[in-house]
Amino acid sequence: MWIAYAFGSALFAGITSILAKIGIRNVDSNLATALRTWVVLFFSWLMVFIVGSQDTVTDISGKSLLFLVLSGLTTGASWICYFRALQLGNVNKVVPVDKSSNVLTMILAFIFLSEKITWIMVAGMVVIAIGTYMMIQKSKSETAEHKSWLIYACLSAVFAAMTSILGKIGIENVESNLGTAIRTIVVLIMAWLIVFMQKKQREMKHIDRKSWLYIALSGLATGLSWLCFYKALQDGPASVVVPIDKLSVLVTVLFALVFLKEKLSLKSTIGLLLLTIGTLALLLKF
């Protein structure tokens, strides 16, 4: 079942990127992240009470709590960088860079979780790297100001990889929905601290109804993706769960083509194909 949850995570994560892109067009990215997190928090705790795991809060060890908090902090950092990148750059470029975090995740899983890496997985990582490079080709119309999206997207990938490893350790002896809910509290606090430090909370009154709707929907999609992802991560190996989750790039690109009218060049299309083949290759050990 953990494989099904991993694919569910990929589906909802792909939808999240498109909804968020639309929702933050006219909203500060940090403020949008903070607002979305309220939806994720509500949804995650609702699931906790539905499955009845709230009574196990007192059973969480200090080690598990520490790693859940740390994974929450890296999640918050990843979100902030990711949605800033989405605001500055093209979805079809930002998402592949962010999803390339699976390569770093596998390396970290090998180092810290003692998960094995086969030659097929190494080959898959190389193909993913080539595909990602082909997809982020620079366009002639891209200004120097907007090239900063790549920096934010790379930082998002680094923090996302750290999140997967920290989260894997943190939920080893914790019910996955409860672990997700605890992490979300950390993300919420972190996001709103940044909003108040930048004094962006005053901009809430200027958010239009359409943006509110898409921010809320992206939060709901994120919540569903998280619940599926951490359930899969709890039962399956991080080096396999994460690559499946990163297949969300296919969903994102498809929706970007249909709803955002973003076009793929031949080079980008080949890059997407390589990215997909490389990701699927990481699953061959099973």
Protein backbone atom coordinates (compact mmCIF):
# COMPACT_ATOMS: atom_id res chain seq x y z
CA MET A 1 0.00 0.00 0.00
CA TRP A 2 2.88 2.41 0.59
CA ILE A 3 3.48 2.51 -3.19
CA ALA A 4 -0.15 3.60 -3.74
CA TYR A 5 0.25 6.32 -1.10
CA ALA A 6 3.47 7.50 -2.80
CA PHE A 7 1.69 7.86 -6.15
CA GLY A 8 -1.18 9.65 -4.39
CA SER A 9 1.35 12.07 -2.96
CA ALA A 10 2.74 12.71 -6.45
CA LEU A 11 -0.72 13.44 -7.86
CA PHE A 12 -1.68 15.96 -5.19
CA ALA A 13 1.78 17.57 -5.18
CA GLY A 14 1.50 18.14 -8.93
CA ILE A 15 -1.89 19.78 -8.54
CA THR A 16 -0.56 21.93 -5.69
CA SER A 17 2.07 23.60 -7.88
CA ILE A 18 -0.49 24.79 -10.41
CA LEU A 19 -3.03 25.99 -7.84
CA ALA A 20 -0.29 27.82 -5.93
CA LYS A 21 1.11 29.43 -9.09
CA ILE A 22 -2.32 30.89 -9.88
CA GLY A 23 -3.00 31.87 -6.28
CA ILE A 24 0.26 33.79 -5.69
CA ARG A 25 0.30 35.83 -8.90
CA ASN A 26 -0.78 38.97 -7.04
CA VAL A 27 0.13 37.95 -3.49
CA ASP A 28 3.46 38.05 -1.64
CA SER A 29 4.84 34.50 -1.74
CA ASN A 30 5.65 34.37 1.99
CA LEU A 31 2.17 35.61 2.93
CA ALA A 32 0.58 33.07 0.58
CA THR A 33 2.67 30.29 2.16
CA ALA A 34 1.58 31.33 5.66
CA LEU A 35 -2.09 31.44 4.65
CA ARG A 36 -1.93 28.06 2.89
CA THR A 37 -0.44 26.48 5.99
CA TRP A 38 -3.60 27.23 8.00
CA VAL A 39 -5.52 24.99 5.59
CA VAL A 40 -2.90 22.25 5.83
CA LEU A 41 -2.92 22.52 9.64
CA PHE A 42 -6.70 22.18 9.85
CA PHE A 43 -6.77 19.25 7.43
CA SER A 44 -3.90 17.40 9.09
CA TRP A 45 -5.36 17.67 12.59
CA LEU A 46 -8.78 16.67 11.27
CA MET A 47 -7.18 13.44 10.02
CA VAL A 48 -5.51 12.93 13.40
CA PHE A 49 -8.87 12.97 15.17
CA ILE A 50 -10.51 10.82 12.49
CA VAL A 51 -7.93 8.04 12.98
CA GLY A 52 -7.85 8.65 16.75
CA SER A 53 -4.10 9.10 17.12
CA GLN A 54 -4.35 12.28 19.25
CA ASP A 55 -4.13 10.16 22.41
CA THR A 56 -0.61 9.01 21.43
CA VAL A 57 0.92 12.50 21.61
CA THR A 58 2.30 11.85 25.09
CA ASP A 59 3.98 8.66 23.84
CA ILE A 60 6.23 10.50 21.38
CA SER A 61 9.87 10.26 22.40
CA GLY A 62 12.17 13.27 22.66
CA LYS A 63 14.18 12.07 19.67
CA SER A 64 11.11 11.70 17.45
CA LEU A 65 9.81 15.10 18.49
CA LEU A 66 13.18 16.71 17.78
CA PHE A 67 13.37 15.30 14.27
CA LEU A 68 9.73 16.18 13.56
CA VAL A 69 10.45 19.78 14.54
CA LEU A 70 13.62 19.84 12.44
CA SER A 71 11.75 18.40 9.45
CA GLY A 72 9.09 21.06 9.98
CA LEU A 73 11.73 23.80 9.88
CA THR A 74 13.28 22.45 6.67
CA THR A 75 9.81 22.06 5.18
CA GLY A 76 9.06 25.69 5.93
CA ALA A 77 12.36 26.77 4.39
CA SER A 78 11.66 24.63 1.30
CA TRP A 79 8.16 26.05 0.90
CA ILE A 80 9.32 29.64 1.19
CA CYS A 81 12.01 29.13 -1.44
CA TYR A 82 9.74 27.07 -3.70
CA PHE A 83 6.84 29.49 -3.84
CA ARG A 84 9.18 32.44 -4.33
CA ALA A 85 10.69 30.55 -7.26
CA LEU A 86 7.20 29.87 -8.64
CA GLN A 87 6.38 33.54 -8.40
CA LEU A 88 9.52 34.53 -10.31
CA GLY A 89 9.88 31.73 -12.81
CA ASN A 90 8.10 29.41 -15.21
CA VAL A 91 6.40 26.40 -13.58
CA ASN A 92 7.88 24.01 -16.15
CA LYS A 93 11.38 25.14 -15.10
CA VAL A 94 10.94 25.57 -11.35
CA VAL A 95 9.31 22.20 -10.69
CA PRO A 96 11.99 20.00 -12.34
CA VAL A 97 14.72 21.71 -10.29
CA ASP A 98 12.73 21.26 -7.08
CA LYS A 99 11.92 17.63 -7.87
CA SER A 100 15.58 16.85 -8.54
CA SER A 101 15.88 16.78 -4.74
CA ASN A 102 15.29 13.02 -5.00
CA VAL A 103 18.91 12.58 -6.08
CA LEU A 104 20.17 14.36 -2.96
CA THR A 105 17.63 12.46 -0.85
CA MET A 106 18.98 9.13 -2.07
CA ILE A 107 22.54 10.17 -1.27
CA LEU A 108 21.51 11.30 2.22
CA ALA A 109 19.48 8.09 2.71
CA PHE A 110 22.58 6.08 1.83
CA ILE A 111 24.73 8.06 4.29
CA PHE A 112 22.36 8.47 7.25
CA LEU A 113 19.77 5.69 6.85
CA SER A 114 22.10 3.01 5.43
CA GLU A 115 19.78 2.41 2.47
CA LYS A 116 21.49 0.68 -0.45
CA ILE A 117 22.26 2.35 -3.78
CA THR A 118 22.61 0.08 -6.81
CA TRP A 119 24.30 0.85 -10.14
CA ILE A 120 20.83 1.18 -11.71
CA MET A 121 19.94 3.87 -9.20
CA VAL A 122 23.20 5.70 -9.93
CA ALA A 123 22.42 5.57 -13.65
CA GLY A 124 18.92 6.89 -12.90
CA MET A 125 20.35 9.81 -10.94
CA VAL A 126 22.64 10.73 -13.85
CA VAL A 127 19.72 10.64 -16.31
CA ILE A 128 17.64 12.79 -13.94
CA ALA A 129 20.43 15.36 -13.74
CA ILE A 130 20.70 15.52 -17.55
CA GLY A 131 16.93 15.79 -17.96
CA THR A 132 16.68 18.55 -15.38
CA TYR A 133 19.47 20.52 -17.07
CA MET A 134 17.69 20.27 -20.43
CA MET A 135 14.40 21.47 -18.95
CA ILE A 136 15.82 24.62 -17.34
CA GLN A 137 17.36 26.02 -20.49
CA LYS A 138 17.39 29.82 -20.50
CA SER A 139 15.11 31.69 -22.83
CA LYS A 140 16.31 34.76 -24.71
CA SER A 141 13.57 36.88 -23.15
CA GLU A 142 14.52 36.00 -19.57
CA THR A 143 15.78 39.06 -17.69
CA ALA A 144 18.63 39.07 -15.20
CA GLU A 145 16.20 39.98 -12.45
CA HIS A 146 14.10 36.87 -12.95
CA LYS A 147 17.03 34.47 -13.18
CA SER A 148 17.01 34.42 -9.37
CA TRP A 149 14.22 31.80 -9.57
CA LEU A 150 16.92 29.18 -10.11
CA ILE A 151 18.62 30.01 -6.80
CA TYR A 152 15.34 29.72 -4.91
CA ALA A 153 14.44 26.49 -6.73
CA CYS A 154 17.83 24.93 -5.86
CA LEU A 155 17.48 25.92 -2.21
CA SER A 156 13.98 24.45 -2.22
CA ALA A 157 15.40 21.13 -3.49
CA VAL A 158 18.12 21.05 -0.82
CA PHE A 159 15.68 21.72 2.02
CA ALA A 160 13.18 19.22 0.58
CA ALA A 161 15.83 16.49 0.60
CA MET A 162 16.72 17.28 4.22
CA THR A 163 12.99 17.19 5.07
CA SER A 164 12.59 13.66 3.72
CA ILE A 165 15.47 12.29 5.79
CA LEU A 166 14.55 14.12 8.99
CA GLY A 167 10.90 13.19 8.51
CA LYS A 168 11.76 9.52 7.96
CA ILE A 169 13.62 9.43 11.28
CA GLY A 170 10.98 11.46 13.09
CA ILE A 171 7.98 9.28 12.20
CA GLU A 172 9.59 5.89 12.84
CA ASN A 173 7.54 5.38 16.02
CA VAL A 174 4.82 7.98 15.43
CA GLU A 175 1.47 7.63 13.66
CA SER A 176 2.00 9.30 10.26
CA ASN A 177 -1.00 11.66 10.44
CA LEU A 178 0.04 12.86 13.89
CA GLY A 179 3.62 13.36 12.71
CA THR A 180 2.37 15.43 9.78
CA ALA A 181 0.17 17.54 12.06
CA ILE A 182 3.03 18.27 14.47
CA ARG A 183 5.33 19.27 11.61
CA THR A 184 2.65 21.57 10.23
CA ILE A 185 2.54 23.54 13.49
CA VAL A 186 6.27 24.22 13.13
CA VAL A 187 5.84 25.30 9.50
CA LEU A 188 2.96 27.60 10.44
CA ILE A 189 4.93 29.35 13.19
CA MET A 190 7.96 29.75 10.94
CA ALA A 191 5.92 31.11 8.03
CA TRP A 192 4.06 33.70 10.10
CA LEU A 193 7.23 34.84 11.86
CA ILE A 194 8.66 35.72 8.45
CA VAL A 195 5.44 37.45 7.41
CA PHE A 196 5.43 39.65 10.52
CA MET A 197 9.15 40.36 10.25
CA GLN A 198 8.55 41.64 6.71
CA LYS A 199 5.28 43.34 7.78
CA LYS A 200 3.43 41.65 4.94
CA GLN A 201 0.33 40.85 7.05
CA ARG A 202 -1.10 44.24 6.09
CA GLU A 203 -1.45 43.02 2.51
CA MET A 204 -4.13 40.48 3.45
CA LYS A 205 -6.90 43.02 2.90
CA HIS A 206 -5.79 43.47 -0.70
CA ILE A 207 -6.08 39.78 -1.65
CA ASP A 208 -8.91 39.21 -4.14
CA ARG A 209 -11.43 36.36 -3.92
CA LYS A 210 -9.87 34.36 -6.72
CA SER A 211 -6.47 34.37 -5.01
CA TRP A 212 -8.06 33.37 -1.69
CA LEU A 213 -9.78 30.44 -3.42
CA TYR A 214 -6.64 29.12 -5.11
CA ILE A 215 -4.53 29.60 -1.97
CA ALA A 216 -7.08 27.55 -0.01
CA LEU A 217 -7.29 24.84 -2.68
CA SER A 218 -3.50 24.60 -2.90
CA GLY A 219 -3.39 24.21 0.88
CA LEU A 220 -5.92 21.38 0.69
CA ALA A 221 -3.94 19.66 -2.07
CA THR A 222 -0.77 20.06 -0.03
CA GLY A 223 -2.43 18.51 2.99
CA LEU A 224 -3.54 15.49 0.97
CA SER A 225 -0.07 15.15 -0.55
CA TRP A 226 1.59 15.30 2.86
CA LEU A 227 -0.71 12.71 4.40
CA CYS A 228 -0.04 10.30 1.55
CA PHE A 229 3.70 11.04 1.48
CA TYR A 230 4.39 10.49 5.17
CA LYS A 231 2.23 7.38 5.30
CA ALA A 232 4.30 6.00 2.40
CA LEU A 233 7.53 7.19 4.03
CA GLN A 234 6.62 5.46 7.28
CA ASP A 235 6.07 2.09 5.60
CA GLY A 236 8.51 2.22 2.67
CA PRO A 237 12.18 3.14 2.06
CA ALA A 238 12.91 6.85 1.56
CA SER A 239 15.09 6.11 -1.48
CA VAL A 240 12.03 4.72 -3.33
CA VAL A 241 9.14 6.75 -1.86
CA VAL A 242 10.77 10.08 -2.71
CA PRO A 243 11.40 9.28 -6.43
CA ILE A 244 7.76 8.20 -6.86
CA ASP A 245 6.60 11.40 -5.19
CA LYS A 246 8.77 13.44 -7.57
CA LEU A 247 6.85 12.04 -10.54
CA SER A 248 4.47 14.88 -9.69
CA VAL A 249 6.48 16.84 -12.25
CA LEU A 250 4.47 15.04 -14.97
CA VAL A 251 1.19 16.15 -13.44
CA THR A 252 2.47 19.70 -13.04
CA VAL A 253 3.73 19.98 -16.62
CA LEU A 254 0.45 18.61 -18.00
CA PHE A 255 -1.64 21.07 -15.99
CA ALA A 256 0.73 23.92 -16.88
CA LEU A 257 0.25 23.17 -20.56
CA VAL A 258 -3.54 23.09 -20.23
CA PHE A 259 -4.31 25.82 -17.69
CA LEU A 260 -1.30 28.16 -17.77
CA LYS A 261 -0.63 27.83 -21.49
CA GLU A 262 3.08 27.28 -20.83
CA LYS A 263 4.80 25.64 -23.77
CA LEU A 264 7.53 23.03 -23.85
CA SER A 265 10.31 23.25 -26.43
CA LEU A 266 11.65 20.09 -28.05
CA LYS A 267 14.69 20.25 -25.75
CA SER A 268 12.47 20.60 -22.67
CA THR A 269 10.27 17.73 -23.84
CA ILE A 270 13.31 15.46 -24.22
CA GLY A 271 14.48 16.63 -20.78
CA LEU A 272 11.09 15.73 -19.26
CA LEU A 273 11.26 12.30 -20.88
CA LEU A 274 14.76 11.70 -19.46
CA LEU A 275 13.64 12.96 -16.06
CA THR A 276 10.76 10.48 -16.07
CA ILE A 277 12.89 7.55 -17.29
CA GLY A 278 15.54 8.33 -14.67
CA THR A 279 12.95 8.48 -11.92
CA LEU A 280 11.33 5.20 -12.94
CA ALA A 281 14.78 3.59 -13.12
CA LEU A 282 15.20 4.28 -9.40
CA LEU A 283 12.37 1.82 -8.75
CA LEU A 284 13.87 -1.11 -10.62
CA LYS A 285 15.51 -2.56 -7.54
CA PHE A 286 12.03 -3.53 -6.46
